[in-house]
Each structure stands twice: as structure tokens, then as C-alpha cells.
Amino acid sequence: MTICYLDGKFLPAERAKVSTTELEIQCGLVVFKRLRTYNRRPFALLEHLGRLERSACHARWGPPLAREDC
């Protein structure tokens, strides 16, 4: 089963619905980052999360999870 995170909740992908009136959908506003791993361990995770938070801030989004939850 594919799981999505939407509006602060994890749910099955078939239940994830996004309104077409959302600015992110209309304008294609996204934040996309890659995370390099070595031996299944994230490389420079804290720096990566900082960049992700700054990108989300520029897009005027708050981070979806607290760092402690990652």
C-alpha cells in the first residue's frame, strides 16, 4: 500500500485528495530535495533538513514534521 502525508495525516494514497484550487497545484509550486546516503545512512542529515526548511520557508510553507520526528 502506498502511503501519503496530507494535511498533517498519513493516509492511503487512494484517499489523498488535493483541491484543484490550491496555489501549489495551479502554479506547480514544489520543494524537492535529494538526500544522499552511504551504507543506508543519511549523509549530513541536519544540514539537509536545514536546507529543506529554508526552501519550505521561501515557499511560505511550514515544515510538515518536527526534526525530532524524522
N, C-alpha and C. Protein backbone atom coordinates (compact mmCIF):
# COMPACT_ATOMS: atom_id res chain seq x y z
N MET A 1 0.85 -1.17 0.00
CA MET A 1 0.00 0.00 0.00
C MET A 1 0.89 1.24 0.00
N THR A 2 0.55 2.21 -0.82
CA THR A 2 1.26 3.48 -0.86
C THR A 2 0.62 4.43 0.14
N ILE A 3 1.47 5.08 0.96
CA ILE A 3 1.01 5.99 2.00
C ILE A 3 1.38 7.42 1.61
N CYS A 4 0.48 8.35 1.84
CA CYS A 4 0.72 9.78 1.57
C CYS A 4 0.60 10.56 2.88
N TYR A 5 1.25 11.71 2.90
CA TYR A 5 1.15 12.63 4.03
C TYR A 5 0.40 13.86 3.54
N LEU A 6 -0.79 14.10 4.07
CA LEU A 6 -1.62 15.20 3.59
C LEU A 6 -2.31 15.86 4.78
N ASP A 7 -2.18 17.17 4.88
CA ASP A 7 -2.83 17.94 5.94
C ASP A 7 -2.53 17.38 7.33
N GLY A 8 -1.27 17.01 7.56
CA GLY A 8 -0.85 16.55 8.87
C GLY A 8 -1.21 15.12 9.20
N LYS A 9 -1.67 14.34 8.21
CA LYS A 9 -2.05 12.95 8.47
C LYS A 9 -1.45 12.03 7.41
N PHE A 10 -1.09 10.82 7.83
CA PHE A 10 -0.69 9.79 6.90
C PHE A 10 -1.94 9.00 6.51
N LEU A 11 -2.14 8.77 5.20
CA LEU A 11 -3.30 8.02 4.76
C LEU A 11 -3.01 7.28 3.46
N PRO A 12 -3.84 6.28 3.14
CA PRO A 12 -3.62 5.54 1.89
C PRO A 12 -3.72 6.48 0.69
N ALA A 13 -2.90 6.25 -0.32
CA ALA A 13 -2.84 7.13 -1.49
C ALA A 13 -4.19 7.31 -2.15
N GLU A 14 -5.00 6.27 -2.18
CA GLU A 14 -6.31 6.40 -2.84
C GLU A 14 -7.26 7.33 -2.10
N ARG A 15 -6.97 7.65 -0.84
CA ARG A 15 -7.79 8.59 -0.06
C ARG A 15 -7.23 10.01 -0.08
N ALA A 16 -6.04 10.20 -0.61
CA ALA A 16 -5.40 11.52 -0.63
C ALA A 16 -6.00 12.36 -1.77
N LYS A 17 -6.68 13.39 -1.42
CA LYS A 17 -7.32 14.29 -2.40
C LYS A 17 -6.82 15.70 -2.16
N VAL A 18 -6.46 16.39 -3.25
CA VAL A 18 -5.99 17.77 -3.17
C VAL A 18 -6.90 18.62 -4.04
N SER A 19 -7.32 19.74 -3.52
CA SER A 19 -8.20 20.64 -4.27
C SER A 19 -7.46 21.26 -5.45
N THR A 20 -8.11 21.34 -6.58
CA THR A 20 -7.51 21.97 -7.76
C THR A 20 -7.42 23.47 -7.62
N THR A 21 -8.02 24.05 -6.57
CA THR A 21 -7.92 25.50 -6.36
C THR A 21 -6.69 25.87 -5.54
N GLU A 22 -5.93 24.88 -5.05
CA GLU A 22 -4.72 25.16 -4.29
C GLU A 22 -3.66 25.80 -5.18
N LEU A 23 -3.02 26.84 -4.68
CA LEU A 23 -1.99 27.55 -5.43
C LEU A 23 -0.86 26.62 -5.87
N GLU A 24 -0.49 25.69 -4.98
CA GLU A 24 0.58 24.76 -5.31
C GLU A 24 0.24 23.91 -6.53
N ILE A 25 -1.01 23.56 -6.70
CA ILE A 25 -1.44 22.77 -7.85
C ILE A 25 -1.52 23.65 -9.09
N GLN A 26 -2.10 24.83 -8.97
CA GLN A 26 -2.27 25.73 -10.11
C GLN A 26 -0.94 26.20 -10.68
N CYS A 27 0.03 26.46 -9.81
CA CYS A 27 1.31 27.03 -10.26
C CYS A 27 2.46 26.04 -10.23
N GLY A 28 2.20 24.84 -9.77
CA GLY A 28 3.27 23.84 -9.70
C GLY A 28 4.33 24.18 -8.67
N LEU A 29 3.93 24.77 -7.55
CA LEU A 29 4.86 25.18 -6.51
C LEU A 29 5.28 23.95 -5.70
N VAL A 30 6.56 23.62 -5.74
CA VAL A 30 7.05 22.43 -5.04
C VAL A 30 8.39 22.72 -4.38
N VAL A 31 8.73 21.90 -3.42
CA VAL A 31 10.07 21.88 -2.83
C VAL A 31 10.54 20.45 -2.97
N PHE A 32 11.64 20.26 -3.68
CA PHE A 32 12.16 18.92 -3.92
C PHE A 32 13.63 18.88 -3.58
N LYS A 33 14.01 17.97 -2.75
CA LYS A 33 15.41 17.80 -2.37
C LYS A 33 15.76 16.33 -2.41
N ARG A 34 17.02 16.06 -2.66
CA ARG A 34 17.52 14.69 -2.59
C ARG A 34 18.40 14.55 -1.36
N LEU A 35 18.44 13.35 -0.82
CA LEU A 35 19.26 13.08 0.35
C LEU A 35 20.20 11.93 0.01
N ARG A 36 21.48 12.20 0.03
CA ARG A 36 22.48 11.17 -0.26
C ARG A 36 22.65 10.27 0.96
N THR A 37 22.80 8.98 0.71
CA THR A 37 23.05 8.03 1.79
C THR A 37 24.30 7.22 1.46
N TYR A 38 24.97 6.80 2.50
CA TYR A 38 26.10 5.89 2.40
C TYR A 38 25.84 4.76 3.37
N ASN A 39 25.89 3.53 2.87
CA ASN A 39 25.60 2.36 3.72
C ASN A 39 24.27 2.51 4.45
N ARG A 40 23.26 3.01 3.72
CA ARG A 40 21.90 3.20 4.24
C ARG A 40 21.78 4.24 5.34
N ARG A 41 22.79 5.07 5.49
CA ARG A 41 22.75 6.13 6.49
C ARG A 41 22.75 7.49 5.77
N PRO A 42 21.87 8.40 6.19
CA PRO A 42 21.84 9.72 5.57
C PRO A 42 23.15 10.46 5.78
N PHE A 43 23.61 11.13 4.74
CA PHE A 43 24.83 11.93 4.81
C PHE A 43 24.44 13.37 5.11
N ALA A 44 25.02 13.95 6.14
CA ALA A 44 24.79 15.35 6.53
C ALA A 44 23.30 15.65 6.68
N LEU A 45 22.62 14.82 7.48
CA LEU A 45 21.17 14.93 7.63
C LEU A 45 20.74 16.28 8.18
N LEU A 46 21.39 16.77 9.22
CA LEU A 46 20.97 18.05 9.80
C LEU A 46 21.11 19.21 8.82
N GLU A 47 22.18 19.20 8.03
CA GLU A 47 22.35 20.24 7.01
C GLU A 47 21.26 20.13 5.95
N HIS A 48 20.95 18.90 5.55
CA HIS A 48 19.90 18.66 4.56
C HIS A 48 18.55 19.18 5.08
N LEU A 49 18.22 18.85 6.34
CA LEU A 49 16.95 19.31 6.90
C LEU A 49 16.90 20.83 6.99
N GLY A 50 18.03 21.46 7.28
CA GLY A 50 18.08 22.91 7.31
C GLY A 50 17.78 23.51 5.95
N ARG A 51 18.37 22.93 4.89
CA ARG A 51 18.10 23.42 3.53
C ARG A 51 16.64 23.21 3.16
N LEU A 52 16.09 22.06 3.54
CA LEU A 52 14.69 21.77 3.25
C LEU A 52 13.77 22.76 3.97
N GLU A 53 14.06 23.06 5.22
CA GLU A 53 13.26 24.03 5.97
C GLU A 53 13.34 25.42 5.35
N ARG A 54 14.54 25.84 4.92
CA ARG A 54 14.68 27.15 4.28
C ARG A 54 13.91 27.21 2.97
N SER A 55 13.96 26.14 2.19
CA SER A 55 13.21 26.10 0.93
C SER A 55 11.72 26.18 1.20
N ALA A 56 11.24 25.45 2.20
CA ALA A 56 9.82 25.49 2.55
C ALA A 56 9.43 26.89 3.03
N CYS A 57 10.32 27.54 3.75
CA CYS A 57 10.06 28.90 4.22
C CYS A 57 9.92 29.86 3.05
N HIS A 58 10.80 29.74 2.06
CA HIS A 58 10.72 30.60 0.87
C HIS A 58 9.43 30.37 0.11
N ALA A 59 8.92 29.14 0.15
CA ALA A 59 7.64 28.83 -0.49
C ALA A 59 6.47 29.18 0.41
N ARG A 60 6.77 29.72 1.60
CA ARG A 60 5.78 30.10 2.61
C ARG A 60 5.02 28.90 3.16
N TRP A 61 5.74 27.78 3.30
CA TRP A 61 5.19 26.58 3.92
C TRP A 61 5.92 26.37 5.23
N GLY A 62 5.26 25.79 6.18
CA GLY A 62 5.92 25.36 7.41
C GLY A 62 6.43 23.94 7.22
N PRO A 63 7.40 23.52 8.01
CA PRO A 63 7.87 22.13 7.89
C PRO A 63 6.76 21.16 8.30
N PRO A 64 6.57 20.05 7.56
CA PRO A 64 5.48 19.12 7.89
C PRO A 64 5.72 18.34 9.17
N LEU A 65 6.99 18.11 9.54
CA LEU A 65 7.31 17.33 10.74
C LEU A 65 8.36 18.06 11.55
N ALA A 66 8.33 17.89 12.84
CA ALA A 66 9.41 18.40 13.68
C ALA A 66 10.65 17.55 13.45
N ARG A 67 11.82 18.12 13.57
CA ARG A 67 13.06 17.37 13.34
C ARG A 67 13.13 16.13 14.22
N GLU A 68 12.60 16.20 15.43
CA GLU A 68 12.65 15.06 16.33
C GLU A 68 11.86 13.88 15.78
N ASP A 69 10.89 14.14 14.90
CA ASP A 69 10.05 13.08 14.33
C ASP A 69 10.67 12.44 13.10
N CYS A 70 11.75 13.02 12.60
CA CYS A 70 12.36 12.49 11.37
C CYS A 70 13.25 11.31 11.66
